[in-house]
Amino acid sequence: MADPRAARNRFSHTHPQTRSVSEGFDPALSVGVVRSPIYPVSTYCFESAEQAAYWFEVALGKTAAPAGARPELIYARLNHPNGEMFEDALRAVEKGARAAAVFSSGMAAITTTVLTLVKPGQTLLYQRPVYGGTDHFFRHMLPEWNVKAVAVPEGGWDDALSTHAAELALVYIETPANPTLHMIDLQNVHEKMKRRGAQKAWLVVDNTFLGPVFQSPLLHGADLSVYSATKFLGGHSDLVAGAVTAKDVELLAKIKATRAFLGAICEPFTAWLLQRSMATLWLRMIKQSKNAVKLIQVLKTHPAVKKVYHPSLFVGEQARVAEKQCNAPGSMIAFELEGGQPAAFRFLNALTLVKLAVSLGGVESLACHPRTTTASEMSEEDLAAGGVTEGLVRLSVGVEYWRDIAADLQRALDAAIAVPTNEGT
């Protein structure tokens, strides 16, 4: 039977919007079905013992695969058709990417990438804030493996790169940052790495907040883009997965090898759901971004709100970076409420349409209090340095009718101002 994965690059001449729907699967190779089937299979047959021996040598890195050849299917912990079809779809829409890998979660993608590229005795640099799980991995787990993770303060890249150039293995950037949406100029960091003698280090960018639709880190100096595919790539709050894209096929092959031994690949049904979601990626993200821009006006003008963070509101250097690096502002908003945590909790508890939940990027609007949830693992120093205040709320805007979201936000903001009698006594 023909290989259902053999449809790679059939639509390389088309726009990424088209490729997100069509790349990675050819109906003619699988009984004419319009969309890809699910392959709930753990192991795969070989035509001969010699073929099995050869592909195991390739899988273990003892033998290089022929140029352009796709590794043979062996065992679902290593690879499987649904995973590879999603990888082809993601690679097709990530500008600058020549390879992609799917993982069981965003943290699996991050940890597997770091463990592949950073060795004991080496150093990793990162900016604050980063997602709480990433922060925990950097500050608490890496030191146990003799890897130093150093947080770089605002404006401190020159000094940090100069100080750690000799032992530096990886620079990790999350832009826009979670949850404050602070942006980092990737090309600027890339050039500083070369000037400061750190050009051999890898530049890894968490692109979860803007996705391949609105930002292309690989075109701005990054070696790898990492994703929590749970978020916009999945987009329906019905799966947990991660992904990595790369310019260098051999580099990603090393990460896939680590993935295989750690068992960090996602299973076929999740990969199938991801490929399904890719078909609506542009539709969802454009609608969500447009909704967010309209909702900004509600937040900016309400007396309960002290400050709003969204790329459409950036000025000065942040506006320059956003204009240079991004195609649209996206649908993530952060805002600080007057009255700190009590006001934030009153706001969140008053929401009805917008759901009080962590995660983001789904078709439904979600809100949370980062300091006590997604960023709660961060130290007080990192929270303060990253601008994660007591009154900060993170809002992920969905695809609902924007006026309905606006009405819900208005009611909840009114409740944030109103102090219950038991609070005033």
Protein backbone atom coordinates (compact mmCIF):
# COMPACT_ATOMS: atom_id res chain seq x y z
CA MET A 1 0.00 0.00 0.00
CA ALA A 2 1.23 3.48 -0.81
CA ASP A 3 2.61 5.49 2.11
CA PRO A 4 -0.10 8.00 3.27
CA ARG A 5 2.71 10.31 4.41
CA ALA A 6 4.11 10.63 0.89
CA ALA A 7 2.15 13.80 0.07
CA ARG A 8 4.91 16.09 1.35
CA ASN A 9 5.35 19.39 -0.51
CA ARG A 10 2.57 18.79 -3.03
CA PHE A 11 1.31 22.31 -2.37
CA SER A 12 4.61 24.14 -1.91
CA HIS A 13 3.56 26.73 -4.51
CA THR A 14 0.46 27.81 -2.55
CA HIS A 15 -0.15 30.30 0.27
CA PRO A 16 0.30 29.00 3.85
CA GLN A 17 -3.47 29.40 4.37
CA THR A 18 -3.99 26.82 1.66
CA ARG A 19 -1.14 24.61 2.82
CA SER A 20 -2.57 24.46 6.34
CA VAL A 21 -5.63 22.74 4.86
CA SER A 22 -4.01 20.60 2.18
CA GLU A 23 -0.40 19.75 3.07
CA GLY A 24 0.65 16.42 4.55
CA PHE A 25 -1.99 14.05 3.18
CA ASP A 26 -3.01 12.75 -0.24
CA PRO A 27 -6.50 11.12 -0.45
CA ALA A 28 -5.33 8.97 -3.36
CA LEU A 29 -2.94 7.16 -1.03
CA SER A 30 -5.59 6.10 1.49
CA VAL A 31 -8.75 4.79 -0.23
CA GLY A 32 -9.82 8.26 -1.34
CA VAL A 33 -10.83 9.72 2.01
CA VAL A 34 -11.04 13.53 2.04
CA ARG A 35 -9.33 13.97 5.39
CA SER A 36 -6.68 11.78 6.99
CA PRO A 37 -7.75 8.71 8.99
CA ILE A 38 -6.43 7.90 12.47
CA TYR A 39 -3.75 5.23 12.73
CA PRO A 40 -4.08 3.77 16.27
CA VAL A 41 -1.15 1.43 15.73
CA SER A 42 1.81 0.69 18.00
CA THR A 43 4.11 -1.26 15.68
CA TYR A 44 4.75 -1.62 11.93
CA CYS A 45 5.78 -4.50 9.67
CA PHE A 46 8.99 -4.69 7.64
CA GLU A 47 9.35 -6.34 4.25
CA SER A 48 12.52 -8.17 5.34
CA ALA A 49 14.87 -8.70 8.24
CA GLU A 50 17.52 -6.75 6.36
CA GLN A 51 15.17 -3.76 6.05
CA ALA A 52 14.39 -3.90 9.76
CA ALA A 53 18.08 -3.98 10.67
CA TYR A 54 18.85 -1.06 8.35
CA TRP A 55 16.12 1.24 9.66
CA PHE A 56 16.98 0.49 13.26
CA GLU A 57 20.53 1.61 12.50
CA VAL A 58 19.09 4.82 11.05
CA ALA A 59 16.79 5.30 14.05
CA LEU A 60 19.72 4.88 16.45
CA GLY A 61 21.93 7.27 14.49
CA LYS A 62 24.42 4.58 13.47
CA THR A 63 23.67 5.11 9.78
CA ALA A 64 22.61 8.27 7.99
CA ALA A 65 19.34 8.08 6.11
CA PRO A 66 19.49 8.74 2.36
CA ALA A 67 19.16 12.43 1.47
CA GLY A 68 15.51 13.43 1.45
CA ALA A 69 14.31 10.03 2.68
CA ARG A 70 11.69 9.79 5.41
CA PRO A 71 12.54 7.33 8.22
CA GLU A 72 10.65 4.07 7.97
CA LEU A 73 7.80 3.50 10.40
CA ILE A 74 9.02 1.24 13.19
CA TYR A 75 7.19 1.86 16.45
CA ALA A 76 4.80 4.62 17.52
CA ARG A 77 7.15 5.89 20.23
CA LEU A 78 9.53 6.86 17.41
CA ASN A 79 7.11 8.08 14.73
CA HIS A 80 3.66 7.40 13.31
CA PRO A 81 1.63 8.55 10.27
CA ASN A 82 -0.62 11.02 12.11
CA GLY A 83 2.31 12.68 13.84
CA GLU A 84 4.24 13.03 10.61
CA MET A 85 1.23 14.39 8.71
CA PHE A 86 0.73 17.11 11.34
CA GLU A 87 4.46 17.85 11.28
CA ASP A 88 4.29 18.31 7.51
CA ALA A 89 1.32 20.66 7.87
CA LEU A 90 3.06 22.75 10.54
CA ARG A 91 6.33 22.86 8.63
CA ALA A 92 4.42 24.02 5.58
CA VAL A 93 2.97 27.07 7.35
CA GLU A 94 5.98 28.02 9.53
CA LYS A 95 7.98 30.42 7.37
CA GLY A 96 11.62 29.42 7.28
CA ALA A 97 10.99 25.91 8.59
CA ARG A 98 12.39 22.80 6.92
CA ALA A 99 11.35 20.34 9.63
CA ALA A 100 8.90 19.98 12.54
CA ALA A 101 8.37 17.65 15.49
CA VAL A 102 5.25 16.98 17.56
CA PHE A 103 5.30 16.29 21.32
CA SER A 104 2.96 15.14 24.07
CA SER A 105 2.86 18.66 25.58
CA GLY A 106 4.42 22.09 25.30
CA MET A 107 6.62 21.36 28.29
CA ALA A 108 7.72 18.09 26.66
CA ALA A 109 8.77 20.10 23.61
CA ILE A 110 10.69 22.62 25.74
CA THR A 111 12.41 20.12 28.05
CA THR A 112 13.33 17.70 25.26
CA THR A 113 14.81 20.53 23.20
CA VAL A 114 16.85 21.90 26.11
CA LEU A 115 18.07 18.48 27.24
CA THR A 116 19.22 17.75 23.69
CA LEU A 117 21.12 20.99 23.18
CA VAL A 118 22.50 21.87 26.64
CA LYS A 119 25.04 19.69 28.43
CA PRO A 120 26.17 19.66 32.09
CA GLY A 121 28.53 22.53 32.80
CA GLN A 122 26.95 24.76 30.17
CA THR A 123 24.72 27.82 30.54
CA LEU A 124 21.31 28.85 29.28
CA LEU A 125 20.20 32.50 29.13
CA TYR A 126 16.54 33.54 29.23
CA GLN A 127 14.47 36.67 29.73
CA ARG A 128 11.82 37.31 32.38
CA PRO A 129 8.97 36.61 32.58
CA VAL A 130 8.54 33.19 31.03
CA TYR A 131 5.70 30.71 31.50
CA GLY A 132 5.66 29.31 35.05
CA GLY A 133 6.42 25.73 34.01
CA THR A 134 9.39 26.89 31.95
CA ASP A 135 10.57 29.03 34.84
CA HIS A 136 10.40 26.05 37.21
CA PHE A 137 12.34 23.84 34.79
CA PHE A 138 15.06 26.48 34.38
CA ARG A 139 15.45 27.50 38.02
CA HIS A 140 14.84 24.23 39.90
CA MET A 141 15.51 21.27 37.62
CA LEU A 142 18.39 22.34 35.37
CA PRO A 143 20.70 23.16 38.31
CA GLU A 144 20.32 19.54 39.49
CA TRP A 145 21.91 18.50 36.18
CA ASN A 146 24.71 21.07 36.52
CA VAL A 147 23.18 23.42 33.96
CA LYS A 148 23.15 27.11 34.87
CA ALA A 149 20.04 29.06 33.81
CA VAL A 150 20.59 32.83 34.01
CA ALA A 151 17.75 35.34 33.81
CA VAL A 152 18.70 38.37 31.70
CA PRO A 153 17.31 41.72 32.89
CA GLU A 154 15.81 44.28 30.54
CA GLY A 155 18.62 45.78 28.45
CA GLY A 156 21.15 43.29 29.79
CA TRP A 157 21.79 41.07 26.77
CA ASP A 158 25.20 42.55 25.90
CA ASP A 159 26.59 41.99 29.38
CA ALA A 160 25.03 38.54 29.78
CA LEU A 161 26.27 37.31 26.41
CA SER A 162 29.78 38.65 27.03
CA THR A 163 29.95 37.15 30.52
CA HIS A 164 28.72 33.67 29.54
CA ALA A 165 29.91 33.36 25.92
CA ALA A 166 32.44 30.60 26.65
CA GLU A 167 29.98 28.20 28.27
CA LEU A 168 26.77 29.41 26.63
CA ALA A 169 24.79 26.68 24.82
CA LEU A 170 21.33 28.16 24.38
CA VAL A 171 19.41 31.45 24.49
CA TYR A 172 15.71 31.05 25.25
CA ILE A 173 13.23 33.81 24.47
CA GLU A 174 9.48 33.93 24.93
CA THR A 175 8.00 36.70 22.81
CA PRO A 176 5.45 38.06 23.41
CA ALA A 177 6.15 37.14 27.02
CA ASN A 178 3.62 35.30 29.16
CA PRO A 179 1.68 37.04 30.65
CA THR A 180 2.81 40.66 30.11
CA LEU A 181 3.16 40.49 26.29
CA HIS A 182 6.56 42.18 26.46
CA MET A 183 8.35 41.74 23.14
CA ILE A 184 12.00 40.97 22.40
CA ASP A 185 13.73 41.99 19.17
CA LEU A 186 14.90 38.58 17.94
CA GLN A 187 17.16 39.86 15.18
CA ASN A 188 18.82 42.21 17.65
CA VAL A 189 19.54 39.37 20.08
CA HIS A 190 20.78 37.19 17.23
CA GLU A 191 23.23 39.91 16.13
CA LYS A 192 24.39 40.49 19.72
CA MET A 193 25.10 36.76 20.02
CA LYS A 194 27.43 36.97 17.02
CA ARG A 195 29.14 40.16 18.22
CA ARG A 196 29.67 38.84 21.75
CA GLY A 197 31.21 35.53 20.70
CA ALA A 198 28.11 33.43 21.41
CA GLN A 199 27.30 32.60 17.80
CA LYS A 200 27.64 28.86 18.47
CA ALA A 201 24.76 28.94 20.94
CA TRP A 202 21.26 28.06 19.74
CA LEU A 203 18.50 30.68 19.74
CA VAL A 204 15.18 29.10 20.75
CA VAL A 205 11.93 31.09 20.70
CA ASP A 206 8.61 30.21 22.33
CA ASN A 207 6.15 31.44 19.69
CA THR A 208 2.98 30.17 21.37
CA PHE A 209 1.24 33.55 21.80
CA LEU A 210 1.36 34.62 18.13
CA GLY A 211 1.86 31.31 16.37
CA PRO A 212 3.11 30.81 12.82
CA VAL A 213 0.26 32.98 11.53
CA PHE A 214 1.38 36.25 13.13
CA GLN A 215 5.11 35.77 13.84
CA SER A 216 7.96 33.90 12.12
CA PRO A 217 10.93 33.63 14.51
CA LEU A 218 12.96 31.52 12.07
CA LEU A 219 13.07 34.49 9.71
CA HIS A 220 14.45 36.72 12.49
CA GLY A 221 17.47 34.71 13.58
CA ALA A 222 15.93 31.91 15.64
CA ASP A 223 17.14 28.34 15.15
CA LEU A 224 14.03 26.77 16.64
CA SER A 225 10.44 27.78 17.37
CA VAL A 226 8.70 25.94 20.19
CA TYR A 227 4.97 25.78 20.81
CA SER A 228 2.44 24.66 23.29
CA ALA A 229 0.29 23.17 20.52
CA THR A 230 -2.47 22.90 23.10
CA LYS A 231 -3.08 26.58 22.48
CA PHE A 232 -3.72 28.14 19.05
CA LEU A 233 -2.46 25.22 16.97
CA GLY A 234 -5.01 22.94 18.64
CA GLY A 235 -7.38 25.79 19.26
CA HIS A 236 -10.35 23.93 20.76
CA SER A 237 -9.23 23.18 24.35
CA ASP A 238 -9.62 19.47 23.67
CA LEU A 239 -6.00 18.28 23.52
CA VAL A 240 -2.57 18.68 25.10
CA ALA A 241 0.45 18.73 22.79
CA GLY A 242 3.64 20.56 21.86
CA ALA A 243 5.67 21.22 18.73
CA VAL A 244 9.07 22.39 17.54
CA THR A 245 10.02 23.73 14.11
CA ALA A 246 13.53 24.24 12.75
CA LYS A 247 15.53 25.59 9.85
CA ASP A 248 18.08 22.78 10.20
CA VAL A 249 16.76 19.27 9.47
CA GLU A 250 19.72 17.58 11.19
CA LEU A 251 19.27 19.70 14.32
CA LEU A 252 15.64 18.66 14.61
CA ALA A 253 16.59 15.04 13.96
CA LYS A 254 18.71 15.16 17.12
CA ILE A 255 15.76 16.48 19.09
CA LYS A 256 13.52 13.78 17.63
CA ALA A 257 16.05 11.16 18.72
CA THR A 258 15.83 12.42 22.30
CA ARG A 259 12.04 12.51 21.96
CA ALA A 260 12.06 8.84 20.98
CA PHE A 261 14.04 7.73 24.03
CA LEU A 262 12.03 9.92 26.43
CA GLY A 263 8.74 8.75 24.90
CA ALA A 264 7.63 12.36 24.46
CA ILE A 265 5.83 12.04 21.12
CA CYS A 266 2.07 12.65 21.18
CA GLU A 267 -0.21 9.73 20.35
CA PRO A 268 -2.03 9.35 16.99
CA PHE A 269 -5.46 10.66 18.00
CA THR A 270 -4.00 13.90 19.37
CA ALA A 271 -1.90 14.34 16.22
CA TRP A 272 -5.02 13.76 14.12
CA LEU A 273 -6.87 16.44 16.13
CA LEU A 274 -3.96 18.82 15.57
CA GLN A 275 -4.01 18.29 11.83
CA ARG A 276 -7.77 18.85 11.85
CA SER A 277 -7.24 22.14 13.67
CA MET A 278 -4.60 23.36 11.24
CA ALA A 279 -7.30 23.70 8.58
CA THR A 280 -8.98 26.51 10.56
CA LEU A 281 -5.84 28.07 12.08
CA TRP A 282 -5.95 31.26 10.01
CA LEU A 283 -9.71 31.70 10.37
CA ARG A 284 -9.59 31.35 14.14
CA MET A 285 -6.54 33.46 14.84
CA ILE A 286 -7.58 36.35 12.56
CA LYS A 287 -11.07 36.42 14.11
CA GLN A 288 -9.63 36.30 17.63
CA SER A 289 -7.15 39.08 16.91
CA LYS A 290 -9.86 41.32 15.46
CA ASN A 291 -12.04 40.67 18.50
CA ALA A 292 -9.19 41.59 20.84
CA VAL A 293 -8.55 44.93 19.13
CA LYS A 294 -12.23 45.85 19.58
CA LEU A 295 -12.27 44.80 23.23
CA ILE A 296 -9.25 46.96 24.01
CA GLN A 297 -11.51 50.03 23.94
CA VAL A 298 -13.75 48.59 26.67
CA LEU A 299 -10.77 47.93 28.91
CA LYS A 300 -8.95 51.22 28.25
CA THR A 301 -11.92 53.39 29.17
CA HIS A 302 -13.11 51.59 32.31
CA PRO A 303 -12.16 53.20 35.64
CA ALA A 304 -11.36 49.81 37.18
CA VAL A 305 -8.44 49.33 34.78
CA LYS A 306 -5.06 50.86 35.55
CA LYS A 307 -3.17 49.66 32.46
CA VAL A 308 -3.77 47.50 29.39
CA TYR A 309 -1.07 45.43 27.65
CA HIS A 310 -1.60 44.52 24.00
CA PRO A 311 0.68 44.91 20.96
CA SER A 312 -1.80 47.30 19.33
CA LEU A 313 -1.14 49.72 22.22
CA PHE A 314 2.64 49.55 22.14
CA VAL A 315 4.63 52.76 21.76
CA GLY A 316 8.32 53.52 21.29
CA GLU A 317 10.71 50.58 21.12
CA GLN A 318 8.01 47.98 21.78
CA ALA A 319 5.94 49.34 18.88
CA ARG A 320 9.00 49.21 16.62
CA VAL A 321 9.66 45.56 17.49
CA ALA A 322 6.00 44.60 17.00
CA GLU A 323 5.81 46.30 13.61
CA LYS A 324 9.05 44.70 12.45
CA GLN A 325 8.40 41.20 13.77
CA CYS A 326 4.65 40.59 13.71
CA ASN A 327 1.88 40.46 11.13
CA ALA A 328 -0.94 41.20 13.60
CA PRO A 329 -1.25 41.95 17.33
CA GLY A 330 -2.91 38.67 18.27
CA SER A 331 -5.65 37.89 20.76
CA MET A 332 -3.84 37.84 24.10
CA ILE A 333 -4.50 40.79 26.42
CA ALA A 334 -3.20 41.53 29.90
CA PHE A 335 -4.55 44.32 32.08
CA GLU A 336 -3.92 45.57 35.58
CA LEU A 337 -6.83 46.41 37.82
CA GLU A 338 -6.98 49.13 40.45
CA GLY A 339 -7.19 47.45 43.82
CA GLY A 340 -4.76 44.57 43.30
CA GLN A 341 -5.67 40.94 43.88
CA PRO A 342 -9.05 41.57 45.58
CA ALA A 343 -10.23 43.55 42.56
CA ALA A 344 -8.84 40.94 40.17
CA PHE A 345 -10.68 38.18 42.01
CA ARG A 346 -13.93 40.17 42.03
CA PHE A 347 -13.57 40.67 38.29
CA LEU A 348 -12.86 37.00 37.58
CA ASN A 349 -15.65 35.77 39.83
CA ALA A 350 -18.17 38.02 38.06
CA LEU A 351 -17.49 36.68 34.57
CA THR A 352 -20.19 34.54 32.98
CA LEU A 353 -19.44 34.20 29.25
CA VAL A 354 -15.66 34.39 29.61
CA LYS A 355 -14.54 31.26 31.43
CA LEU A 356 -12.27 31.38 34.45
CA ALA A 357 -9.55 28.94 33.41
CA VAL A 358 -5.87 28.71 32.60
CA SER A 359 -4.61 27.91 29.10
CA LEU A 360 -5.30 30.10 26.08
CA GLY A 361 -5.79 30.15 22.34
CA GLY A 362 -9.06 28.22 22.28
CA VAL A 363 -12.24 29.19 20.47
CA GLU A 364 -13.71 30.23 23.83
CA SER A 365 -12.57 33.30 25.78
CA LEU A 366 -10.62 32.51 28.95
CA ALA A 367 -9.33 34.64 31.82
CA CYS A 368 -7.03 33.94 34.76
CA HIS A 369 -4.97 35.58 37.51
CA PRO A 370 -1.36 34.72 36.54
CA ARG A 371 0.25 35.52 39.89
CA THR A 372 -1.76 32.83 41.68
CA THR A 373 -2.01 30.33 38.79
CA THR A 374 0.24 30.10 35.72
CA ALA A 375 3.06 32.22 37.21
CA SER A 376 2.67 31.04 40.82
CA GLU A 377 5.91 29.00 40.65
CA MET A 378 7.98 32.12 39.97
CA SER A 379 10.00 33.76 42.71
CA GLU A 380 8.96 37.14 44.11
CA GLU A 381 12.01 38.66 42.47
CA ASP A 382 11.10 37.26 39.05
CA LEU A 383 7.45 38.26 39.44
CA ALA A 384 8.48 41.81 40.24
CA ALA A 385 11.10 41.97 37.49
CA GLY A 386 8.64 40.57 34.96
CA GLY A 387 5.81 42.94 35.89
CA VAL A 388 3.46 40.18 37.08
CA THR A 389 1.54 42.23 39.63
CA GLU A 390 -1.22 41.34 42.09
CA GLY A 391 -3.81 43.11 39.96
CA LEU A 392 -2.78 41.60 36.61
CA VAL A 393 -5.36 39.59 34.67
CA ARG A 394 -4.64 37.62 31.49
CA LEU A 395 -7.38 37.39 28.88
CA SER A 396 -7.38 35.01 25.92
CA VAL A 397 -9.99 36.27 23.46
CA GLY A 398 -12.07 33.67 21.64
CA VAL A 399 -14.19 33.68 18.50
CA GLU A 400 -17.50 34.66 20.13
CA TYR A 401 -19.36 37.75 18.93
CA TRP A 402 -17.22 40.57 20.29
CA ARG A 403 -20.13 42.61 21.68
CA ASP A 404 -21.14 39.68 23.89
CA ILE A 405 -17.60 39.42 25.24
CA ALA A 406 -17.54 43.20 25.74
CA ALA A 407 -20.79 43.12 27.73
CA ASP A 408 -19.42 40.36 29.98
CA LEU A 409 -16.17 42.26 30.57
CA GLN A 410 -18.11 45.46 31.33
CA ARG A 411 -20.22 43.73 33.99
CA ALA A 412 -17.21 42.08 35.57
CA LEU A 413 -15.21 45.33 35.59
CA ASP A 414 -18.11 47.08 37.31
CA ALA A 415 -18.04 44.33 39.93
CA ALA A 416 -14.29 44.83 40.39
CA ILE A 417 -14.93 48.39 41.51
CA ALA A 418 -17.82 47.65 43.84
CA VAL A 419 -16.41 46.78 47.27
CA PRO A 420 -18.62 44.30 49.17
CA THR A 421 -19.73 45.47 52.61
CA ASN A 422 -17.72 42.78 54.36
CA GLU A 423 -14.53 44.11 52.69
CA GLY A 424 -15.16 47.62 53.88
CA THR A 425 -15.67 46.77 57.53
